[in-house]
Protein backbone atom coordinates (compact mmCIF):
# COMPACT_ATOMS: atom_id res chain seq x y z
CA MET A 1 61.64 25.64 -75.46
CA GLU A 2 63.41 26.34 -72.21
CA TYR A 3 66.40 24.22 -71.25
CA ALA A 4 68.17 24.93 -68.06
CA GLY A 5 66.68 28.34 -67.77
CA ARG A 6 67.97 29.55 -71.07
CA THR A 7 65.08 31.31 -72.86
CA VAL A 8 66.55 34.65 -73.78
CA TRP A 9 64.96 36.01 -76.97
CA PRO A 10 62.53 38.94 -77.54
CA ALA A 11 60.39 36.64 -79.76
CA TRP A 12 59.86 34.60 -76.60
CA CYS A 13 58.46 37.49 -74.56
CA LEU A 14 54.90 36.75 -75.76
CA GLY A 15 55.27 33.08 -74.77
CA LEU A 16 56.67 33.93 -71.40
CA LEU A 17 53.90 36.43 -70.74
CA LEU A 18 51.37 33.78 -71.41
CA SER A 19 53.10 31.50 -68.91
CA LEU A 20 52.75 34.15 -66.18
CA LEU A 21 48.93 34.29 -66.49
CA PRO A 22 46.90 32.21 -64.02
CA ALA A 23 46.99 28.59 -65.35
CA PRO A 24 43.92 26.39 -65.79
CA ALA A 25 43.56 23.19 -63.87
CA ALA A 26 46.61 20.96 -64.18
CA ASP A 27 46.56 18.15 -66.79
CA ALA A 28 47.95 14.83 -65.64
CA VAL A 29 51.00 13.39 -67.34
CA GLU A 30 49.56 10.57 -69.44
CA THR A 31 52.89 8.79 -70.47
CA LEU A 32 56.54 9.09 -69.51
CA PHE A 33 59.22 7.68 -71.82
CA GLU A 34 56.95 4.94 -73.25
CA GLY A 35 58.76 1.74 -74.03
CA HIS A 36 61.79 2.45 -71.84
CA VAL A 37 63.11 -0.34 -69.60
CA ASN A 38 65.29 0.84 -66.63
CA GLY A 39 68.69 -0.79 -66.20
CA ARG A 40 71.26 -2.09 -68.58
CA VAL A 41 71.22 -0.83 -72.16
CA GLU A 42 71.85 -3.09 -75.19
CA GLY A 43 72.11 -2.22 -78.81
CA PHE A 44 72.98 1.48 -78.68
CA GLU A 45 76.40 1.49 -80.30
CA ALA A 46 76.07 3.88 -83.24
CA ILE A 47 75.54 7.48 -84.11
CA ASP A 48 71.97 7.96 -85.29
CA PRO A 49 71.57 10.81 -87.88
CA ALA A 50 67.76 10.69 -87.31
CA ALA A 51 68.32 11.78 -83.69
CA PHE A 52 69.77 15.11 -84.96
CA ARG A 53 67.20 16.04 -87.59
CA ALA A 54 64.76 18.91 -87.38
CA GLU A 55 61.04 18.05 -87.35
CA PRO A 56 59.35 21.45 -87.66
CA THR A 57 55.51 21.74 -87.63
CA THR A 58 53.02 24.50 -87.98
CA GLU A 59 51.71 24.05 -84.42
CA ARG A 60 51.38 27.33 -82.60
CA TYR A 61 53.51 26.21 -79.64
CA TYR A 62 56.15 24.23 -81.59
CA THR A 63 59.74 24.72 -80.45
CA GLU A 64 62.83 22.68 -81.04
CA LEU A 65 66.40 23.06 -79.81
CA TRP A 66 69.90 21.82 -80.17
CA PHE A 67 71.71 22.54 -76.80
CA HIS A 68 75.49 22.21 -76.75
CA GLU A 69 77.31 22.18 -73.41
CA MET A 70 81.10 22.30 -73.61
CA GLN A 71 83.68 22.42 -70.84
CA PHE A 72 87.34 23.28 -71.03
CA VAL A 73 89.07 22.46 -67.78
CA ASN A 74 92.48 23.88 -68.54
CA GLU A 75 91.05 27.35 -69.24
CA GLY A 76 88.19 27.02 -66.75
CA LEU A 77 85.70 27.86 -69.49
CA ILE A 78 82.16 26.73 -69.89
CA VAL A 79 80.69 27.35 -73.40
CA ILE A 80 77.10 26.99 -74.26
CA VAL A 81 75.66 27.11 -77.87
CA ASN A 82 71.85 26.95 -78.12
CA VAL A 83 69.94 26.88 -81.36
CA GLN A 84 66.16 27.17 -81.34
CA LEU A 85 63.52 26.84 -83.97
CA HIS A 86 60.01 27.96 -83.00
CA ASN A 87 56.68 29.35 -84.03
CA LEU A 88 56.25 31.97 -81.34
CA GLY A 89 55.82 34.87 -83.72
CA VAL A 90 53.60 36.04 -86.52
CA SER A 91 54.78 33.29 -88.88
CA HIS A 92 56.36 29.86 -88.59
CA GLY A 93 60.07 28.92 -88.48
CA TYR A 94 62.02 31.54 -86.55
CA CYS A 95 65.52 30.64 -85.44
CA ASP A 96 67.03 32.12 -82.29
CA SER A 97 70.43 31.32 -81.00
CA TYR A 98 73.03 32.32 -78.46
CA LEU A 99 76.66 31.52 -77.55
CA SER A 100 77.66 32.10 -73.97
CA VAL A 101 81.17 31.87 -72.44
CA SER A 102 81.98 32.02 -68.74
CA GLY A 103 85.32 31.79 -66.97
CA PRO A 104 86.74 31.69 -63.47
CA ASP A 105 86.11 35.50 -63.09
CA GLY A 106 82.37 34.80 -62.98
CA ILE A 107 81.57 37.04 -65.93
CA ILE A 108 79.17 35.71 -68.52
CA HIS A 109 79.90 36.81 -72.14
CA LEU A 110 76.73 36.42 -74.26
CA ASP A 111 76.23 36.79 -77.99
CA LYS A 112 72.66 36.27 -79.26
CA ASP A 113 71.06 36.40 -82.63
CA SER A 114 67.55 36.05 -84.13
CA PHE A 115 66.53 35.28 -87.74
CA LYS A 116 63.34 35.30 -89.72
CA PRO A 117 62.17 32.14 -91.49
CA ARG A 118 63.58 33.15 -94.87
CA GLU A 119 67.09 33.23 -93.32
CA VAL A 120 66.89 29.61 -92.01
CA ARG A 121 68.00 26.63 -94.12
CA ILE A 122 67.57 23.04 -93.09
CA ASP A 123 69.51 20.46 -95.16
CA SER A 124 67.22 18.05 -97.01
CA LYS A 125 69.77 15.16 -96.60
CA GLY A 126 71.86 14.24 -93.62
CA PHE A 127 71.87 16.92 -90.89
CA GLY A 128 72.71 20.53 -91.19
CA ILE A 129 71.04 23.79 -90.20
CA SER A 130 72.21 27.30 -91.28
CA TRP A 131 70.76 30.48 -89.89
CA GLY A 132 72.31 33.70 -91.12
CA PRO A 133 76.13 33.26 -90.90
CA HIS A 134 75.89 30.36 -88.35
CA ARG A 135 75.79 26.60 -89.01
CA ILE A 136 75.72 23.22 -87.24
CA GLU A 137 76.17 19.99 -89.16
CA LEU A 138 77.01 16.26 -88.79
CA GLN A 139 79.52 14.62 -91.08
CA GLY A 140 80.27 11.01 -90.09
CA ASP A 141 81.49 11.05 -86.49
CA GLN A 142 82.34 14.74 -86.71
CA TYR A 143 79.94 17.39 -85.58
CA ARG A 144 80.73 20.95 -86.44
CA ILE A 145 79.61 24.23 -84.92
CA ARG A 146 80.27 27.51 -86.75
CA TYR A 147 79.16 30.68 -84.93
CA ARG A 148 79.69 34.18 -86.31
CA GLY A 149 78.29 36.56 -83.70
CA LYS A 150 78.98 40.28 -83.35
CA SER A 151 81.11 39.92 -80.21
CA ILE A 152 82.01 36.19 -80.19
CA GLN A 153 82.98 33.81 -82.99
CA ALA A 154 83.62 30.11 -82.72
CA ASP A 155 84.74 27.19 -84.93
CA LEU A 156 84.36 23.96 -82.89
CA THR A 157 84.50 20.35 -83.93
CA CYS A 158 82.99 17.53 -81.76
CA ARG A 159 84.53 14.09 -82.25
CA ILE A 160 81.67 11.88 -81.05
CA LEU A 161 82.71 9.21 -78.51
CA ALA A 162 79.39 7.76 -77.32
CA PRO A 163 76.39 6.80 -79.44
CA SER A 164 72.99 8.53 -79.83
CA TYR A 165 70.49 7.53 -77.15
CA ARG A 166 66.88 8.15 -76.11
CA GLN A 167 64.86 6.64 -73.26
CA GLY A 168 62.01 4.81 -74.98
CA ASP A 169 60.16 7.29 -77.15
CA GLY A 170 61.74 10.07 -75.06
CA THR A 171 58.40 11.73 -74.60
CA VAL A 172 56.38 13.26 -71.79
CA ARG A 173 52.76 13.67 -72.80
CA PHE A 174 50.48 16.14 -71.03
CA GLY A 175 46.76 15.62 -70.65
CA LYS A 176 44.39 15.14 -73.63
CA LYS A 177 45.38 18.16 -75.65
CA GLU A 178 48.36 16.42 -77.50
CA GLN A 179 50.85 18.58 -75.82
CA PHE A 180 54.28 16.94 -75.29
CA VAL A 181 58.04 17.34 -74.71
CA THR A 182 60.55 14.88 -76.34
CA TYR A 183 64.08 14.60 -74.99
CA SER A 184 66.85 12.90 -77.04
CA PHE A 185 70.65 12.76 -76.73
CA PRO A 186 72.33 12.60 -80.15
CA ILE A 187 75.79 13.32 -78.63
CA PRO A 188 76.10 12.08 -74.98
CA TRP A 189 79.91 12.58 -75.02
CA ALA A 190 82.45 14.15 -77.37
CA GLU A 191 85.98 15.43 -77.62
CA VAL A 192 85.64 19.15 -78.50
CA ALA A 193 88.44 21.06 -80.24
CA GLY A 194 88.62 24.45 -82.09
CA THR A 195 88.89 28.16 -81.61
CA LEU A 196 87.03 30.79 -79.84
CA THR A 197 87.37 34.52 -80.53
CA ARG A 198 86.35 37.35 -78.18
CA GLU A 199 87.18 40.98 -78.68
CA GLY A 200 89.61 40.06 -81.44
CA LYS A 201 91.54 37.54 -79.29
CA THR A 202 91.55 33.95 -80.50
CA THR A 203 91.97 31.04 -78.09
CA THR A 204 92.64 27.41 -79.09
CA LEU A 205 90.53 25.04 -77.04
CA LYS A 206 90.39 21.35 -76.30
CA GLY A 207 87.83 19.74 -73.91
CA MET A 208 84.66 17.72 -73.58
CA GLY A 209 81.07 18.31 -74.46
CA SER A 210 77.59 16.92 -75.42
CA MET A 211 74.49 17.88 -77.41
CA ASN A 212 70.83 17.21 -76.61
CA HIS A 213 68.07 17.70 -79.11
CA ASP A 214 64.65 18.41 -77.62
CA ARG A 215 61.32 19.18 -79.25
CA GLN A 216 57.93 20.13 -77.96
CA VAL A 217 54.46 21.34 -78.73
CA LEU A 218 53.58 22.83 -75.24
CA SER A 219 51.83 25.89 -73.92
CA PRO A 220 54.28 28.23 -72.15
CA ARG A 221 52.06 27.90 -69.14
CA LYS A 222 53.36 24.36 -68.69
CA TYR A 223 57.14 25.12 -69.05
CA MET A 224 59.46 23.39 -66.61
CA ASN A 225 60.62 25.88 -63.95
CA ARG A 226 62.98 23.74 -61.76
CA TRP A 227 66.03 22.02 -63.20
CA ARG A 228 68.95 19.83 -62.12
CA VAL A 229 71.31 19.01 -65.02
CA VAL A 230 74.73 17.37 -64.80
CA TRP A 231 77.39 16.70 -67.43
CA LEU A 232 80.28 14.55 -66.03
CA TYR A 233 83.04 13.08 -68.13
CA GLY A 234 85.58 10.66 -66.80
CA THR A 235 88.64 9.21 -68.59
CA ASP A 236 86.76 6.15 -69.87
CA ALA A 237 83.07 6.81 -69.19
CA THR A 238 80.44 9.49 -68.77
CA VAL A 239 77.49 10.04 -66.43
CA SER A 240 74.72 12.47 -67.36
CA LEU A 241 71.63 13.39 -65.42
CA LEU A 242 68.60 15.69 -66.03
CA ARG A 243 65.73 16.34 -63.63
CA CYS A 244 63.02 18.96 -64.26
CA THR A 245 59.51 19.62 -63.07
CA SER A 246 56.66 22.17 -63.34
CA PRO A 247 53.61 23.04 -61.26
CA ASP A 248 51.60 20.83 -63.65
CA LEU A 249 53.51 17.72 -62.53
CA GLU A 250 52.34 18.29 -58.92
CA GLY A 251 55.68 17.25 -57.36
CA ARG A 252 56.60 14.61 -59.85
CA TRP A 253 60.04 14.94 -61.52
CA VAL A 254 60.91 14.04 -65.14
CA GLN A 255 64.25 12.31 -64.73
CA ARG A 256 66.86 10.88 -67.09
CA LEU A 257 70.14 9.24 -66.04
CA MET A 258 72.63 7.62 -68.41
CA VAL A 259 76.05 5.93 -68.19
CA ALA A 260 78.08 5.42 -71.39
CA GLU A 261 81.56 4.45 -72.37
CA ARG A 262 83.38 5.01 -75.64
CA GLY A 263 81.30 3.33 -78.31
CA ARG A 264 78.23 2.16 -76.36
CA VAL A 265 75.50 3.20 -73.84
CA LEU A 266 75.65 1.03 -70.77
CA PHE A 267 72.86 1.87 -68.33
CA SER A 268 69.90 4.14 -68.14
CA SER A 269 67.11 4.94 -65.73
CA HIS A 270 64.20 7.31 -65.03
CA ASP A 271 63.62 5.90 -61.51
CA PHE A 272 66.49 6.70 -59.25
CA LEU A 273 67.32 8.22 -55.81
CA TYR A 274 68.56 11.78 -55.90
CA GLU A 275 69.43 13.74 -52.75
CA GLU A 276 70.66 17.26 -52.19
CA SER A 277 72.43 18.34 -48.99
CA ASP A 278 74.57 21.07 -47.36
CA PRO A 279 72.77 24.11 -48.85
CA GLU A 280 74.86 27.34 -48.58
CA ARG A 281 73.89 30.93 -49.11
CA VAL A 282 75.02 32.48 -52.43
CA ALA A 283 76.01 36.14 -52.16
CA GLY A 284 73.52 38.41 -53.81
CA SER A 285 70.83 35.74 -54.29
CA PRO A 286 67.86 34.68 -52.12
CA ILE A 287 68.31 31.01 -53.14
CA PRO A 288 70.85 28.76 -51.45
CA CYS A 289 72.68 26.15 -53.47
CA PRO A 290 73.32 22.62 -52.27
CA ARG A 291 76.94 21.57 -52.17
CA ARG A 292 76.51 17.85 -52.16
CA PHE A 293 74.39 15.59 -54.39
CA ARG A 294 73.93 11.82 -53.88
CA ILE A 295 72.65 9.39 -56.54
CA GLU A 296 71.72 5.75 -56.08
CA VAL A 297 70.09 3.51 -58.60
CA VAL A 298 69.92 -0.30 -58.83
CA HIS A 299 68.05 -2.41 -61.40
CA GLY A 300 68.63 -6.10 -61.14
CA ASP A 301 72.39 -6.78 -60.62
CA ASP A 302 73.45 -3.50 -62.17
CA GLY A 303 73.57 -0.07 -60.67
CA LEU A 304 75.26 3.29 -60.01
CA ARG A 305 76.09 4.69 -56.53
CA GLY A 306 77.94 7.84 -55.55
CA GLY A 307 77.56 11.56 -56.20
CA TYR A 308 79.09 14.90 -56.98
CA SER A 309 80.02 17.96 -54.93
CA LEU A 310 80.15 21.59 -55.91
CA THR A 311 83.64 23.10 -56.21
CA ARG A 312 82.98 26.55 -57.69
CA ILE A 313 79.87 28.41 -58.82
CA GLN A 314 80.86 30.07 -62.16
CA GLU A 315 77.53 31.57 -63.28
CA LYS A 316 74.81 32.92 -61.10
CA LYS A 317 71.88 34.93 -62.40
CA ASP A 318 68.25 35.76 -62.01
CA VAL A 319 66.87 34.13 -65.26
CA LEU A 320 64.76 37.26 -65.97
CA SER A 321 68.01 39.26 -66.37
CA ASP A 322 68.25 38.12 -69.96
CA TYR A 323 65.04 39.92 -70.89
CA PRO A 324 64.57 43.60 -71.84
CA TYR A 325 64.22 45.97 -68.90
CA LEU A 326 60.58 46.94 -69.26
CA PHE A 327 59.62 43.26 -69.71
CA ARG A 328 61.55 42.33 -66.60
CA GLN A 329 59.72 44.93 -64.55
CA LEU A 330 56.37 43.62 -65.78
CA ALA A 331 57.28 40.00 -65.13
CA LYS A 332 58.41 40.74 -61.57
CA LEU A 333 54.93 41.91 -60.77
CA ILE A 334 53.27 38.60 -61.54
CA THR A 335 55.86 35.82 -61.43
CA LYS A 336 58.35 34.16 -59.00
CA GLU A 337 61.96 35.20 -59.14
CA THR A 338 64.08 32.24 -60.36
CA TRP A 339 67.85 31.78 -60.04
CA SER A 340 70.30 29.70 -62.01
CA TYR A 341 73.72 28.50 -60.89
CA ARG A 342 76.09 26.82 -63.27
CA PHE A 343 78.97 25.31 -61.41
CA TRP A 344 81.98 23.00 -61.56
CA ALA A 345 81.76 19.72 -59.61
CA ASP A 346 83.95 16.78 -58.64
CA PHE A 347 82.26 13.41 -59.01
CA ASP A 348 82.96 9.88 -57.74
CA PHE A 349 80.75 6.84 -58.63
CA GLU A 350 80.89 3.10 -58.39
CA PHE A 351 79.18 1.51 -61.40
CA THR A 352 78.31 -2.21 -61.58
CA ARG A 353 77.47 -4.17 -64.71
CA ASP A 354 77.97 -7.90 -65.68
CA GLY A 355 79.21 -8.57 -62.11
CA LYS A 356 82.09 -6.11 -62.45
CA THR A 357 82.38 -2.81 -60.53
CA ARG A 358 84.38 0.07 -61.87
CA ARG A 359 85.03 3.62 -60.49
CA ILE A 360 84.10 6.60 -62.57
CA GLN A 361 85.69 9.82 -61.35
CA GLY A 362 86.56 13.28 -62.60
CA ALA A 363 85.38 16.86 -62.83
CA GLY A 364 82.40 18.16 -64.71
CA THR A 365 79.68 20.84 -64.66
CA ALA A 366 76.10 21.20 -63.43
CA ASN A 367 73.22 23.53 -63.57
CA PHE A 368 70.84 24.10 -60.62
CA ILE A 369 67.69 26.29 -61.23
CA GLU A 370 65.17 27.06 -58.59
CA PRO A 371 62.39 29.65 -58.10
CA VAL A 372 62.10 31.66 -54.87
CA PRO A 373 59.69 29.79 -52.59
CA ALA A 374 56.25 31.31 -52.01
CA GLU A 375 55.91 33.16 -48.74
């Protein structure tokens, strides 16, 4: 699975090569988040262990990920931990993972690992996955990440603030071949604390973060190639947004917007206005990055209006740069160059519910991914 441009493992090279071949006629999207009702959300006020659990299959294109985004404002660090189960190999049940750290200097420190099925252990009760020396697990309202990479080690605990959520069945279904992607949000908002060790130096961290758990059985030819993802945490509420699309969707975007406060989800929509403006050139890249983003969504008497603005690009990269050299050269012959920017942003929203309007402000992070336009 590819989330926000992060598919970095040699075991994925075969899958990506398939995605570069000429695609067959596009399949229509049959359903999108079936059962979801836009607007105010009622009843989501608890952590749901089922939202965390792995659901591996023997399907050829099965992939499943737990994507953790964590931001530490005082240190200016963005930390990503991605854990992937998949069947893109000669047998079922591989686990690939990485931990990335970026700071104000613009340097991305990446530690990645890959394990064969026999080295992966999924807990039969509750939620826990161990792969090699690494582990993620849920214990009550505490979610723990232990990463023991060669160059980076981390022990991080997430105290979950907002309950698990999914829009309807969370699923986008493609055509008549039973291919699908399911998006869920076990941890929309958490306080994150712990330690991070790089090159023998340990730093104590305290910040905010989230975790999404996504699952799919989908040909690599149909992977999403354009992304807009936002993680915004205020003092008493959070706003998250995801938009992605692929050539198969023929201009249609899969969207997910959510507003939550401590202890409950308040509002959600997959039908909202999203605008980008003030594009600026980024040194060393052919893709400009917008500096301002506006969001407006109203359902009934409730709604969210406002936006966010870029303050500093912290990561910029051609997404193929994560692949081995020879593979990159082959890929460049037959695919579009695609760039990813991960940046800090200031945000300011007015949110209305139950006849009352509140302001949600603060700083957060975003990811903008765009292929180079065809000439």
